[in-house]
Amino acid sequence: DVHFLDTVKGSDWGADQEVARMFVEAAPIEMRRLAHWGVPWNRVV
């Protein structure tokens, strides 16, 4: 939800908000999928 607000504000309300909602919901899943495939993300210490 916070990511969605940032994205739409950042777009100056030019974005398709349905697409923005799809994107922000899927992004966390995709980052973890990339980690599973082998991306060496920096990690919390």
PDB file of all heavy atoms in Angstrom:
ATOM      1  N   ASP A   1       0.834  -1.211   0.000  1.00  0.00           N
ATOM      2  CA  ASP A   1       0.000   0.000   0.000  1.00  0.00           C
ATOM      3  C   ASP A   1       0.866   1.258   0.000  1.00  0.00           C
ATOM      4  O   ASP A   1       0.593   2.222  -0.731  1.00  0.00           O
ATOM      5  CB  ASP A   1      -0.929   0.025   1.225  1.00  0.00           C
ATOM      6  CG  ASP A   1      -2.029  -1.010   1.150  1.00  0.00           C
ATOM      7  OD1 ASP A   1      -2.324  -1.475   0.039  1.00  0.00           O
ATOM      8  OD2 ASP A   1      -2.584  -1.365   2.206  1.00  0.00           O
ATOM      9  N   VAL A   2       1.912   1.277   0.824  1.00  0.00           N
ATOM     10  CA  VAL A   2       2.804   2.444   0.880  1.00  0.00           C
ATOM     11  C   VAL A   2       3.570   2.573  -0.434  1.00  0.00           C
ATOM     12  O   VAL A   2       3.747   3.679  -0.962  1.00  0.00           O
ATOM     13  CB  VAL A   2       3.773   2.329   2.071  1.00  0.00           C
ATOM     14  CG1 VAL A   2       4.690   3.544   2.135  1.00  0.00           C
ATOM     15  CG2 VAL A   2       3.005   2.171   3.379  1.00  0.00           C
ATOM     16  N   HIS A   3       4.013   1.446  -0.973  1.00  0.00           N
ATOM     17  CA  HIS A   3       4.708   1.441  -2.261  1.00  0.00           C
ATOM     18  C   HIS A   3       3.790   1.975  -3.364  1.00  0.00           C
ATOM     19  O   HIS A   3       4.211   2.751  -4.231  1.00  0.00           O
ATOM     20  CB  HIS A   3       5.181   0.024  -2.597  1.00  0.00           C
ATOM     21  CG  HIS A   3       6.112  -0.065  -3.769  1.00  0.00           C
ATOM     22  ND1 HIS A   3       6.576  -1.275  -4.237  1.00  0.00           N
ATOM     23  CD2 HIS A   3       6.647   0.880  -4.576  1.00  0.00           C
ATOM     24  CE1 HIS A   3       7.362  -1.058  -5.267  1.00  0.00           C
ATOM     25  NE2 HIS A   3       7.418   0.245  -5.509  1.00  0.00           N
ATOM     26  N   PHE A   4       2.528   1.592  -3.328  1.00  0.00           N
ATOM     27  CA  PHE A   4       1.545   2.074  -4.296  1.00  0.00           C
ATOM     28  C   PHE A   4       1.410   3.595  -4.222  1.00  0.00           C
ATOM     29  O   PHE A   4       1.430   4.284  -5.245  1.00  0.00           O
ATOM     30  CB  PHE A   4       0.196   1.394  -4.039  1.00  0.00           C
ATOM     31  CG  PHE A   4      -0.929   1.907  -4.894  1.00  0.00           C
ATOM     32  CD1 PHE A   4      -1.153   1.384  -6.161  1.00  0.00           C
ATOM     33  CD2 PHE A   4      -1.776   2.897  -4.427  1.00  0.00           C
ATOM     34  CE1 PHE A   4      -2.198   1.859  -6.948  1.00  0.00           C
ATOM     35  CE2 PHE A   4      -2.820   3.374  -5.203  1.00  0.00           C
ATOM     36  CZ  PHE A   4      -3.032   2.850  -6.470  1.00  0.00           C
ATOM     37  N   LEU A   5       1.287   4.123  -3.009  1.00  0.00           N
ATOM     38  CA  LEU A   5       1.156   5.574  -2.838  1.00  0.00           C
ATOM     39  C   LEU A   5       2.373   6.297  -3.400  1.00  0.00           C
ATOM     40  O   LEU A   5       2.244   7.303  -4.111  1.00  0.00           O
ATOM     41  CB  LEU A   5       0.969   5.914  -1.357  1.00  0.00           C
ATOM     42  CG  LEU A   5      -0.303   5.428  -0.674  1.00  0.00           C
ATOM     43  CD1 LEU A   5      -0.283   5.798   0.803  1.00  0.00           C
ATOM     44  CD2 LEU A   5      -1.540   5.998  -1.337  1.00  0.00           C
ATOM     45  N   ASP A   6       3.569   5.793  -3.086  1.00  0.00           N
ATOM     46  CA  ASP A   6       4.786   6.415  -3.586  1.00  0.00           C
ATOM     47  C   ASP A   6       4.825   6.399  -5.114  1.00  0.00           C
ATOM     48  O   ASP A   6       5.217   7.383  -5.752  1.00  0.00           O
ATOM     49  CB  ASP A   6       6.020   5.686  -3.049  1.00  0.00           C
ATOM     50  CG  ASP A   6       6.276   5.960  -1.570  1.00  0.00           C
ATOM     51  OD1 ASP A   6       5.721   6.938  -1.044  1.00  0.00           O
ATOM     52  OD2 ASP A   6       7.036   5.195  -0.961  1.00  0.00           O
ATOM     53  N   THR A   7       4.429   5.271  -5.714  1.00  0.00           N
ATOM     54  CA  THR A   7       4.502   5.112  -7.164  1.00  0.00           C
ATOM     55  C   THR A   7       3.542   6.046  -7.883  1.00  0.00           C
ATOM     56  O   THR A   7       3.909   6.707  -8.866  1.00  0.00           O
ATOM     57  CB  THR A   7       4.219   3.654  -7.554  1.00  0.00           C
ATOM     58  OG1 THR A   7       5.229   2.808  -6.981  1.00  0.00           O
ATOM     59  CG2 THR A   7       4.199   3.457  -9.059  1.00  0.00           C
ATOM     60  N   VAL A   8       2.312   6.138  -7.411  1.00  0.00           N
ATOM     61  CA  VAL A   8       1.315   6.989  -8.063  1.00  0.00           C
ATOM     62  C   VAL A   8       1.677   8.463  -7.884  1.00  0.00           C
ATOM     63  O   VAL A   8       1.585   9.265  -8.821  1.00  0.00           O
ATOM     64  CB  VAL A   8      -0.097   6.692  -7.534  1.00  0.00           C
ATOM     65  CG1 VAL A   8      -1.123   7.658  -8.107  1.00  0.00           C
ATOM     66  CG2 VAL A   8      -0.490   5.254  -7.875  1.00  0.00           C
ATOM     67  N   LYS A   9       2.111   8.835  -6.673  1.00  0.00           N
ATOM     68  CA  LYS A   9       2.567  10.217  -6.464  1.00  0.00           C
ATOM     69  C   LYS A   9       3.775  10.516  -7.339  1.00  0.00           C
ATOM     70  O   LYS A   9       3.884  11.585  -7.937  1.00  0.00           O
ATOM     71  CB  LYS A   9       2.920  10.435  -4.993  1.00  0.00           C
ATOM     72  CG  LYS A   9       1.721  10.480  -4.052  1.00  0.00           C
ATOM     73  CD  LYS A   9       2.187  10.662  -2.604  1.00  0.00           C
ATOM     74  CE  LYS A   9       1.014  10.694  -1.636  1.00  0.00           C
ATOM     75  NZ  LYS A   9       1.464  10.834  -0.232  1.00  0.00           N
ATOM     76  N   GLY A  10       4.706   9.570  -7.397  1.00  0.00           N
ATOM     77  CA  GLY A  10       5.902   9.762  -8.217  1.00  0.00           C
ATOM     78  C   GLY A  10       5.563   9.975  -9.681  1.00  0.00           C
ATOM     79  O   GLY A  10       6.213  10.754 -10.368  1.00  0.00           O
ATOM     80  N   SER A  11       4.525   9.300 -10.159  1.00  0.00           N
ATOM     81  CA  SER A  11       4.097   9.424 -11.555  1.00  0.00           C
ATOM     82  C   SER A  11       3.373  10.728 -11.826  1.00  0.00           C
ATOM     83  O   SER A  11       3.026  11.012 -12.971  1.00  0.00           O
ATOM     84  CB  SER A  11       3.173   8.259 -11.920  1.00  0.00           C
ATOM     85  OG  SER A  11       1.863   8.456 -11.412  1.00  0.00           O
ATOM     86  N   ASP A  12       3.152  11.523 -10.772  1.00  0.00           N
ATOM     87  CA  ASP A  12       2.349  12.755 -10.844  1.00  0.00           C
ATOM     88  C   ASP A  12       0.942  12.428 -11.348  1.00  0.00           C
ATOM     89  O   ASP A  12       0.357  13.169 -12.127  1.00  0.00           O
ATOM     90  CB  ASP A  12       3.025  13.817 -11.708  1.00  0.00           C
ATOM     91  CG  ASP A  12       2.934  15.216 -11.090  1.00  0.00           C
ATOM     92  OD1 ASP A  12       2.235  15.386 -10.076  1.00  0.00           O
ATOM     93  OD2 ASP A  12       3.566  16.146 -11.627  1.00  0.00           O
ATOM     94  N   TRP A  13       0.436  11.317 -10.879  1.00  0.00           N
ATOM     95  CA  TRP A  13      -0.907  10.822 -11.191  1.00  0.00           C
ATOM     96  C   TRP A  13      -1.086  10.538 -12.677  1.00  0.00           C
ATOM     97  O   TRP A  13      -2.192  10.527 -13.194  1.00  0.00           O
ATOM     98  CB  TRP A  13      -1.988  11.775 -10.670  1.00  0.00           C
ATOM     99  CG  TRP A  13      -2.310  11.494  -9.236  1.00  0.00           C
ATOM    100  CD1 TRP A  13      -3.285  10.652  -8.765  1.00  0.00           C
ATOM    101  CD2 TRP A  13      -1.651  12.000  -8.080  1.00  0.00           C
ATOM    102  NE1 TRP A  13      -3.249  10.601  -7.387  1.00  0.00           N
ATOM    103  CE2 TRP A  13      -2.274  11.433  -6.935  1.00  0.00           C
ATOM    104  CE3 TRP A  13      -0.593  12.876  -7.885  1.00  0.00           C
ATOM    105  CZ2 TRP A  13      -1.877  11.710  -5.630  1.00  0.00           C
ATOM    106  CZ3 TRP A  13      -0.181  13.156  -6.585  1.00  0.00           C
ATOM    107  CH2 TRP A  13      -0.822  12.582  -5.485  1.00  0.00           C
ATOM    108  N   GLY A  14       0.025  10.213 -13.349  1.00  0.00           N
ATOM    109  CA  GLY A  14      -0.084   9.824 -14.756  1.00  0.00           C
ATOM    110  C   GLY A  14      -0.140   8.327 -14.957  1.00  0.00           C
ATOM    111  O   GLY A  14      -0.387   7.854 -16.062  1.00  0.00           O
ATOM    112  N   ALA A  15       0.081   7.549 -13.875  1.00  0.00           N
ATOM    113  CA  ALA A  15       0.156   6.092 -13.993  1.00  0.00           C
ATOM    114  C   ALA A  15      -1.225   5.467 -14.088  1.00  0.00           C
ATOM    115  O   ALA A  15      -2.221   6.025 -13.626  1.00  0.00           O
ATOM    116  CB  ALA A  15       0.902   5.510 -12.796  1.00  0.00           C
ATOM    117  N   ASP A  16      -1.271   4.265 -14.657  1.00  0.00           N
ATOM    118  CA  ASP A  16      -2.464   3.427 -14.602  1.00  0.00           C
ATOM    119  C   ASP A  16      -2.459   2.765 -13.221  1.00  0.00           C
ATOM    120  O   ASP A  16      -1.606   1.928 -12.930  1.00  0.00           O
ATOM    121  CB  ASP A  16      -2.424   2.368 -15.708  1.00  0.00           C
ATOM    122  CG  ASP A  16      -3.690   1.531 -15.778  1.00  0.00           C
ATOM    123  OD1 ASP A  16      -4.233   1.168 -14.707  1.00  0.00           O
ATOM    124  OD2 ASP A  16      -4.148   1.239 -16.895  1.00  0.00           O
ATOM    125  N   GLN A  17      -3.391   3.146 -12.376  1.00  0.00           N
ATOM    126  CA  GLN A  17      -3.350   2.696 -10.979  1.00  0.00           C
ATOM    127  C   GLN A  17      -3.624   1.202 -10.837  1.00  0.00           C
ATOM    128  O   GLN A  17      -3.168   0.571  -9.878  1.00  0.00           O
ATOM    129  CB  GLN A  17      -4.324   3.520 -10.139  1.00  0.00           C
ATOM    130  CG  GLN A  17      -3.910   4.982 -10.032  1.00  0.00           C
ATOM    131  CD  GLN A  17      -4.697   5.755  -8.995  1.00  0.00           C
ATOM    132  OE1 GLN A  17      -5.195   5.211  -8.000  1.00  0.00           O
ATOM    133  NE2 GLN A  17      -4.813   7.067  -9.209  1.00  0.00           N
ATOM    134  N   GLU A  18      -4.344   0.601 -11.773  1.00  0.00           N
ATOM    135  CA  GLU A  18      -4.541  -0.850 -11.718  1.00  0.00           C
ATOM    136  C   GLU A  18      -3.219  -1.564 -11.950  1.00  0.00           C
ATOM    137  O   GLU A  18      -2.900  -2.551 -11.267  1.00  0.00           O
ATOM    138  CB  GLU A  18      -5.579  -1.280 -12.754  1.00  0.00           C
ATOM    139  CG  GLU A  18      -5.919  -2.766 -12.673  1.00  0.00           C
ATOM    140  CD  GLU A  18      -7.038  -3.169 -13.602  1.00  0.00           C
ATOM    141  OE1 GLU A  18      -7.436  -2.353 -14.463  1.00  0.00           O
ATOM    142  OE2 GLU A  18      -7.519  -4.313 -13.472  1.00  0.00           O
ATOM    143  N   VAL A  19      -2.436  -1.079 -12.896  1.00  0.00           N
ATOM    144  CA  VAL A  19      -1.114  -1.650 -13.161  1.00  0.00           C
ATOM    145  C   VAL A  19      -0.197  -1.438 -11.955  1.00  0.00           C
ATOM    146  O   VAL A  19       0.544  -2.344 -11.554  1.00  0.00           O
ATOM    147  CB  VAL A  19      -0.510  -1.035 -14.441  1.00  0.00           C
ATOM    148  CG1 VAL A  19       0.970  -1.366 -14.566  1.00  0.00           C
ATOM    149  CG2 VAL A  19      -1.272  -1.520 -15.662  1.00  0.00           C
ATOM    150  N   ALA A  20      -0.248  -0.236 -11.370  1.00  0.00           N
ATOM    151  CA  ALA A  20       0.584   0.037 -10.197  1.00  0.00           C
ATOM    152  C   ALA A  20       0.250  -0.915  -9.051  1.00  0.00           C
ATOM    153  O   ALA A  20       1.150  -1.396  -8.351  1.00  0.00           O
ATOM    154  CB  ALA A  20       0.402   1.489  -9.752  1.00  0.00           C
ATOM    155  N   ARG A  21      -1.022  -1.195  -8.856  1.00  0.00           N
ATOM    156  CA  ARG A  21      -1.432  -2.124  -7.794  1.00  0.00           C
ATOM    157  C   ARG A  21      -0.915  -3.529  -8.083  1.00  0.00           C
ATOM    158  O   ARG A  21      -0.388  -4.214  -7.189  1.00  0.00           O
ATOM    159  CB  ARG A  21      -2.953  -2.096  -7.664  1.00  0.00           C
ATOM    160  CG  ARG A  21      -3.538  -3.104  -6.679  1.00  0.00           C
ATOM    161  CD  ARG A  21      -2.898  -3.062  -5.307  1.00  0.00           C
ATOM    162  NE  ARG A  21      -3.203  -1.852  -4.556  1.00  0.00           N
ATOM    163  CZ  ARG A  21      -2.723  -1.609  -3.330  1.00  0.00           C
ATOM    164  NH1 ARG A  21      -1.890  -2.469  -2.745  1.00  0.00           N
ATOM    165  NH2 ARG A  21      -3.032  -0.493  -2.697  1.00  0.00           N
ATOM    166  N   MET A  22      -1.050  -3.990  -9.318  1.00  0.00           N
ATOM    167  CA  MET A  22      -0.520  -5.308  -9.692  1.00  0.00           C
ATOM    168  C   MET A  22       0.972  -5.383  -9.417  1.00  0.00           C
ATOM    169  O   MET A  22       1.482  -6.372  -8.875  1.00  0.00           O
ATOM    170  CB  MET A  22      -0.779  -5.568 -11.185  1.00  0.00           C
ATOM    171  CG  MET A  22      -2.225  -5.793 -11.581  1.00  0.00           C
ATOM    172  SD  MET A  22      -2.457  -5.686 -13.387  1.00  0.00           S
ATOM    173  CE  MET A  22      -1.216  -6.814 -13.979  1.00  0.00           C
ATOM    174  N   PHE A  23       1.675  -4.324  -9.778  1.00  0.00           N
ATOM    175  CA  PHE A  23       3.131  -4.295  -9.647  1.00  0.00           C
ATOM    176  C   PHE A  23       3.565  -4.382  -8.190  1.00  0.00           C
ATOM    177  O   PHE A  23       4.429  -5.197  -7.834  1.00  0.00           O
ATOM    178  CB  PHE A  23       3.670  -3.023 -10.306  1.00  0.00           C
ATOM    179  CG  PHE A  23       5.095  -2.710  -9.972  1.00  0.00           C
ATOM    180  CD1 PHE A  23       6.129  -3.430 -10.541  1.00  0.00           C
ATOM    181  CD2 PHE A  23       5.418  -1.681  -9.088  1.00  0.00           C
ATOM    182  CE1 PHE A  23       7.461  -3.137 -10.237  1.00  0.00           C
ATOM    183  CE2 PHE A  23       6.731  -1.380  -8.778  1.00  0.00           C
ATOM    184  CZ  PHE A  23       7.751  -2.118  -9.349  1.00  0.00           C
ATOM    185  N   VAL A  24       3.011  -3.539  -7.331  1.00  0.00           N
ATOM    186  CA  VAL A  24       3.487  -3.498  -5.943  1.00  0.00           C
ATOM    187  C   VAL A  24       3.165  -4.786  -5.203  1.00  0.00           C
ATOM    188  O   VAL A  24       3.903  -5.179  -4.291  1.00  0.00           O
ATOM    189  CB  VAL A  24       2.918  -2.275  -5.189  1.00  0.00           C
ATOM    190  CG1 VAL A  24       3.342  -0.986  -5.870  1.00  0.00           C
ATOM    191  CG2 VAL A  24       1.398  -2.327  -5.036  1.00  0.00           C
ATOM    192  N   GLU A  25       2.065  -5.462  -5.566  1.00  0.00           N
ATOM    193  CA  GLU A  25       1.727  -6.727  -4.911  1.00  0.00           C
ATOM    194  C   GLU A  25       2.655  -7.853  -5.343  1.00  0.00           C
ATOM    195  O   GLU A  25       2.980  -8.750  -4.570  1.00  0.00           O
ATOM    196  CB  GLU A  25       0.272  -7.101  -5.224  1.00  0.00           C
ATOM    197  CG  GLU A  25      -0.772  -6.125  -4.695  1.00  0.00           C
ATOM    198  CD  GLU A  25      -0.913  -6.154  -3.175  1.00  0.00           C
ATOM    199  OE1 GLU A  25      -0.401  -7.105  -2.538  1.00  0.00           O
ATOM    200  OE2 GLU A  25      -1.526  -5.222  -2.620  1.00  0.00           O
ATOM    201  N   ALA A  26       3.104  -7.807  -6.608  1.00  0.00           N
ATOM    202  CA  ALA A  26       3.929  -8.894  -7.139  1.00  0.00           C
ATOM    203  C   ALA A  26       5.417  -8.708  -6.855  1.00  0.00           C
ATOM    204  O   ALA A  26       6.172  -9.682  -6.847  1.00  0.00           O
ATOM    205  CB  ALA A  26       3.709  -9.023  -8.649  1.00  0.00           C
ATOM    206  N   ALA A  27       5.858  -7.451  -6.629  1.00  0.00           N
ATOM    207  CA  ALA A  27       7.292  -7.176  -6.501  1.00  0.00           C
ATOM    208  C   ALA A  27       7.973  -7.963  -5.375  1.00  0.00           C
ATOM    209  O   ALA A  27       9.067  -8.525  -5.594  1.00  0.00           O
ATOM    210  CB  ALA A  27       7.527  -5.675  -6.329  1.00  0.00           C
ATOM    211  N   PRO A  28       7.406  -8.035  -4.156  1.00  0.00           N
ATOM    212  CA  PRO A  28       8.094  -8.805  -3.105  1.00  0.00           C
ATOM    213  C   PRO A  28       8.271 -10.283  -3.464  1.00  0.00           C
ATOM    214  O   PRO A  28       9.299 -10.891  -3.141  1.00  0.00           O
ATOM    215  CB  PRO A  28       7.167  -8.634  -1.886  1.00  0.00           C
ATOM    216  CG  PRO A  28       6.422  -7.367  -2.150  1.00  0.00           C
ATOM    217  CD  PRO A  28       6.205  -7.350  -3.630  1.00  0.00           C
ATOM    218  N   ILE A  29       7.280 -10.840  -4.134  1.00  0.00           N
ATOM    219  CA  ILE A  29       7.362 -12.251  -4.546  1.00  0.00           C
ATOM    220  C   ILE A  29       8.510 -12.422  -5.538  1.00  0.00           C
ATOM    221  O   ILE A  29       9.297 -13.373  -5.446  1.00  0.00           O
ATOM    222  CB  ILE A  29       6.028 -12.699  -5.169  1.00  0.00           C
ATOM    223  CG1 ILE A  29       4.895 -12.565  -4.149  1.00  0.00           C
ATOM    224  CG2 ILE A  29       6.121 -14.126  -5.698  1.00  0.00           C
ATOM    225  CD1 ILE A  29       3.504 -12.736  -4.738  1.00  0.00           C
ATOM    226  N   GLU A  30       8.602 -11.480  -6.474  1.00  0.00           N
ATOM    227  CA  GLU A  30       9.624 -11.592  -7.513  1.00  0.00           C
ATOM    228  C   GLU A  30      11.025 -11.439  -6.943  1.00  0.00           C
ATOM    229  O   GLU A  30      11.962 -12.120  -7.392  1.00  0.00           O
ATOM    230  CB  GLU A  30       9.372 -10.542  -8.592  1.00  0.00           C
ATOM    231  CG  GLU A  30      10.022 -10.848  -9.923  1.00  0.00           C
ATOM    232  CD  GLU A  30       9.446 -12.083 -10.607  1.00  0.00           C
ATOM    233  OE1 GLU A  30       8.220 -12.309 -10.534  1.00  0.00           O
ATOM    234  OE2 GLU A  30      10.236 -12.835 -11.210  1.00  0.00           O
ATOM    235  N   MET A  31      11.208 -10.572  -5.947  1.00  0.00           N
ATOM    236  CA  MET A  31      12.545 -10.420  -5.354  1.00  0.00           C
ATOM    237  C   MET A  31      12.988 -11.718  -4.682  1.00  0.00           C
ATOM    238  O   MET A  31      14.160 -12.122  -4.783  1.00  0.00           O
ATOM    239  CB  MET A  31      12.560  -9.280  -4.332  1.00  0.00           C
ATOM    240  CG  MET A  31      12.270  -7.895  -4.890  1.00  0.00           C
ATOM    241  SD  MET A  31      13.240  -7.413  -6.327  1.00  0.00           S
ATOM    242  CE  MET A  31      11.963  -7.463  -7.611  1.00  0.00           C
ATOM    243  N   ARG A  32      12.068 -12.365  -4.017  1.00  0.00           N
ATOM    244  CA  ARG A  32      12.410 -13.630  -3.353  1.00  0.00           C
ATOM    245  C   ARG A  32      12.653 -14.726  -4.389  1.00  0.00           C
ATOM    246  O   ARG A  32      13.510 -15.592  -4.204  1.00  0.00           O
ATOM    247  CB  ARG A  32      11.304 -14.028  -2.378  1.00  0.00           C
ATOM    248  CG  ARG A  32      11.142 -13.034  -1.214  1.00  0.00           C
ATOM    249  CD  ARG A  32      10.101 -13.496  -0.208  1.00  0.00           C
ATOM    250  NE  ARG A  32       9.956 -12.547   0.889  1.00  0.00           N
ATOM    251  CZ  ARG A  32       8.943 -11.686   1.023  1.00  0.00           C
ATOM    252  NH1 ARG A  32       7.966 -11.679   0.125  1.00  0.00           N
ATOM    253  NH2 ARG A  32       8.883 -10.862   2.039  1.00  0.00           N
ATOM    254  N   ARG A  33      11.905 -14.685  -5.485  1.00  0.00           N
ATOM    255  CA  ARG A  33      12.130 -15.659  -6.562  1.00  0.00           C
ATOM    256  C   ARG A  33      13.536 -15.484  -7.148  1.00  0.00           C
ATOM    257  O   ARG A  33      14.242 -16.452  -7.414  1.00  0.00           O
ATOM    258  CB  ARG A  33      11.075 -15.481  -7.657  1.00  0.00           C
ATOM    259  CG  ARG A  33      11.044 -16.639  -8.675  1.00  0.00           C
ATOM    260  CD  ARG A  33      10.275 -16.292  -9.939  1.00  0.00           C
ATOM    261  NE  ARG A  33       9.081 -15.530  -9.723  1.00  0.00           N
ATOM    262  CZ  ARG A  33       7.864 -16.036  -9.516  1.00  0.00           C
ATOM    263  NH1 ARG A  33       7.705 -17.354  -9.476  1.00  0.00           N
ATOM    264  NH2 ARG A  33       6.825 -15.233  -9.361  1.00  0.00           N
ATOM    265  N   LEU A  34      13.936 -14.221  -7.338  1.00  0.00           N
ATOM    266  CA  LEU A  34      15.279 -13.960  -7.862  1.00  0.00           C
ATOM    267  C   LEU A  34      16.352 -14.472  -6.911  1.00  0.00           C
ATOM    268  O   LEU A  34      17.381 -15.007  -7.339  1.00  0.00           O
ATOM    269  CB  LEU A  34      15.456 -12.454  -8.114  1.00  0.00           C
ATOM    270  CG  LEU A  34      14.637 -11.861  -9.263  1.00  0.00           C
ATOM    271  CD1 LEU A  34      14.801 -10.344  -9.293  1.00  0.00           C
ATOM    272  CD2 LEU A  34      15.033 -12.463 -10.606  1.00  0.00           C
ATOM    273  N   ALA A  35      16.115 -14.306  -5.614  1.00  0.00           N
ATOM    274  CA  ALA A  35      17.059 -14.840  -4.625  1.00  0.00           C
ATOM    275  C   ALA A  35      17.152 -16.355  -4.754  1.00  0.00           C
ATOM    276  O   ALA A  35      18.245 -16.943  -4.705  1.00  0.00           O
ATOM    277  CB  ALA A  35      16.632 -14.440  -3.217  1.00  0.00           C
ATOM    278  N   HIS A  36      16.006 -17.002  -4.947  1.00  0.00           N
ATOM    279  CA  HIS A  36      15.977 -18.451  -5.101  1.00  0.00           C
ATOM    280  C   HIS A  36      16.739 -18.886  -6.354  1.00  0.00           C
ATOM    281  O   HIS A  36      17.405 -19.937  -6.357  1.00  0.00           O
ATOM    282  CB  HIS A  36      14.519 -18.930  -5.180  1.00  0.00           C
ATOM    283  CG  HIS A  36      14.366 -20.399  -5.437  1.00  0.00           C
ATOM    284  ND1 HIS A  36      14.716 -21.368  -4.518  1.00  0.00           N
ATOM    285  CD2 HIS A  36      13.899 -21.068  -6.524  1.00  0.00           C
ATOM    286  CE1 HIS A  36      14.478 -22.567  -5.015  1.00  0.00           C
ATOM    287  NE2 HIS A  36      13.980 -22.416  -6.231  1.00  0.00           N
ATOM    288  N   TRP A  37      16.669 -18.076  -7.406  1.00  0.00           N
ATOM    289  CA  TRP A  37      17.385 -18.384  -8.639  1.00  0.00           C
ATOM    290  C   TRP A  37      18.871 -18.088  -8.536  1.00  0.00           C
ATOM    291  O   TRP A  37      19.640 -18.499  -9.406  1.00  0.00           O
ATOM    292  CB  TRP A  37      16.785 -17.605  -9.810  1.00  0.00           C
ATOM    293  CG  TRP A  37      15.448 -18.131 -10.264  1.00  0.00           C
ATOM    294  CD1 TRP A  37      14.841 -19.285  -9.876  1.00  0.00           C
ATOM    295  CD2 TRP A  37      14.557 -17.505 -11.206  1.00  0.00           C
ATOM    296  NE1 TRP A  37      13.623 -19.431 -10.507  1.00  0.00           N
ATOM    297  CE2 TRP A  37      13.420 -18.351 -11.328  1.00  0.00           C
ATOM    298  CE3 TRP A  37      14.589 -16.329 -11.936  1.00  0.00           C
ATOM    299  CZ2 TRP A  37      12.354 -18.047 -12.171  1.00  0.00           C
ATOM    300  CZ3 TRP A  37      13.527 -16.022 -12.776  1.00  0.00           C
ATOM    301  CH2 TRP A  37      12.422 -16.875 -12.898  1.00  0.00           C
ATOM    302  N   GLY A  38      19.282 -17.323  -7.523  1.00  0.00           N
ATOM    303  CA  GLY A  38      20.711 -17.120  -7.318  1.00  0.00           C
ATOM    304  C   GLY A  38      21.209 -15.695  -7.247  1.00  0.00           C
ATOM    305  O   GLY A  38      22.422 -15.473  -7.189  1.00  0.00           O
ATOM    306  N   VAL A  39      20.319 -14.688  -7.242  1.00  0.00           N
ATOM    307  CA  VAL A  39      20.778 -13.304  -7.165  1.00  0.00           C
ATOM    308  C   VAL A  39      21.371 -13.038  -5.778  1.00  0.00           C
ATOM    309  O   VAL A  39      20.700 -13.280  -4.762  1.00  0.00           O
ATOM    310  CB  VAL A  39      19.627 -12.318  -7.446  1.00  0.00           C
ATOM    311  CG1 VAL A  39      20.066 -10.878  -7.166  1.00  0.00           C
ATOM    312  CG2 VAL A  39      19.156 -12.455  -8.890  1.00  0.00           C
ATOM    313  N   PRO A  40      22.587 -12.539  -5.702  1.00  0.00           N
ATOM    314  CA  PRO A  40      23.250 -12.325  -4.403  1.00  0.00           C
ATOM    315  C   PRO A  40      22.890 -10.970  -3.786  1.00  0.00           C
ATOM    316  O   PRO A  40      23.723 -10.068  -3.675  1.00  0.00           O
ATOM    317  CB  PRO A  40      24.742 -12.393  -4.758  1.00  0.00           C
ATOM    318  CG  PRO A  40      24.792 -11.836  -6.153  1.00  0.00           C
ATOM    319  CD  PRO A  40      23.516 -12.275  -6.828  1.00  0.00           C
ATOM    320  N   TRP A  41      21.640 -10.824  -3.365  1.00  0.00           N
ATOM    321  CA  TRP A  41      21.220  -9.570  -2.731  1.00  0.00           C
ATOM    322  C   TRP A  41      22.055  -9.274  -1.485  1.00  0.00           C
ATOM    323  O   TRP A  41      22.439 -10.196  -0.758  1.00  0.00           O
ATOM    324  CB  TRP A  41      19.754  -9.643  -2.306  1.00  0.00           C
ATOM    325  CG  TRP A  41      18.731  -9.808  -3.381  1.00  0.00           C
ATOM    326  CD1 TRP A  41      17.853 -10.839  -3.522  1.00  0.00           C
ATOM    327  CD2 TRP A  41      18.440  -8.896  -4.461  1.00  0.00           C
ATOM    328  NE1 TRP A  41      17.035 -10.639  -4.616  1.00  0.00           N
ATOM    329  CE2 TRP A  41      17.383  -9.448  -5.205  1.00  0.00           C
ATOM    330  CE3 TRP A  41      18.973  -7.668  -4.854  1.00  0.00           C
ATOM    331  CZ2 TRP A  41      16.845  -8.824  -6.330  1.00  0.00           C
ATOM    332  CZ3 TRP A  41      18.450  -7.047  -5.974  1.00  0.00           C
ATOM    333  CH2 TRP A  41      17.395  -7.619  -6.694  1.00  0.00           C
ATOM    334  N   ASN A  42      22.300  -8.005  -1.227  1.00  0.00           N
ATOM    335  CA  ASN A  42      22.861  -7.637   0.080  1.00  0.00           C
ATOM    336  C   ASN A  42      21.864  -8.010   1.166  1.00  0.00           C
ATOM    337  O   ASN A  42      20.647  -7.893   0.966  1.00  0.00           O
ATOM    338  CB  ASN A  42      23.144  -6.131   0.140  1.00  0.00           C
ATOM    339  CG  ASN A  42      24.432  -5.766  -0.554  1.00  0.00           C
ATOM    340  OD1 ASN A  42      24.582  -5.982  -1.756  1.00  0.00           O
ATOM    341  ND2 ASN A  42      25.372  -5.213   0.191  1.00  0.00           N
ATOM    342  N   ARG A  43      22.366  -8.430   2.310  1.00  0.00           N
ATOM    343  CA  ARG A  43      21.504  -8.972   3.369  1.00  0.00           C
ATOM    344  C   ARG A  43      21.609  -8.151   4.646  1.00  0.00           C
ATOM    345  O   ARG A  43      22.632  -7.513   4.931  1.00  0.00           O
ATOM    346  CB  ARG A  43      21.899 -10.427   3.673  1.00  0.00           C
ATOM    347  CG  ARG A  43      21.789 -11.364   2.456  1.00  0.00           C
ATOM    348  CD  ARG A  43      20.367 -11.716   2.136  1.00  0.00           C
ATOM    349  NE  ARG A  43      20.216 -12.520   0.933  1.00  0.00           N
ATOM    350  CZ  ARG A  43      19.168 -13.299   0.686  1.00  0.00           C
ATOM    351  NH1 ARG A  43      18.180 -13.374   1.576  1.00  0.00           N
ATOM    352  NH2 ARG A  43      19.101 -13.981  -0.427  1.00  0.00           N
ATOM    353  N   VAL A  44      20.551  -8.171   5.426  1.00  0.00           N
ATOM    354  CA  VAL A  44      20.522  -7.493   6.720  1.00  0.00           C
ATOM    355  C   VAL A  44      21.509  -8.169   7.670  1.00  0.00           C
ATOM    356  O   VAL A  44      21.571  -9.404   7.753  1.00  0.00           O
ATOM    357  CB  VAL A  44      19.099  -7.536   7.333  1.00  0.00           C
ATOM    358  CG1 VAL A  44      19.107  -6.966   8.753  1.00  0.00           C
ATOM    359  CG2 VAL A  44      18.112  -6.776   6.443  1.00  0.00           C
ATOM    360  N   VAL A  45      22.286  -7.366   8.359  1.00  0.00           N
ATOM    361  CA  VAL A  45      23.183  -7.863   9.408  1.00  0.00           C
ATOM    362  C   VAL A  45      22.683  -7.289  10.734  1.00  0.00           C
ATOM    363  O   VAL A  45      22.625  -6.072  10.911  1.00  0.00           O
ATOM    364  CB  VAL A  45      24.641  -7.437   9.157  1.00  0.00           C
ATOM    365  CG1 VAL A  45      25.531  -7.900  10.308  1.00  0.00           C
ATOM    366  CG2 VAL A  45      25.136  -7.997   7.825  1.00  0.00           C
TER     367      VAL A  45
END
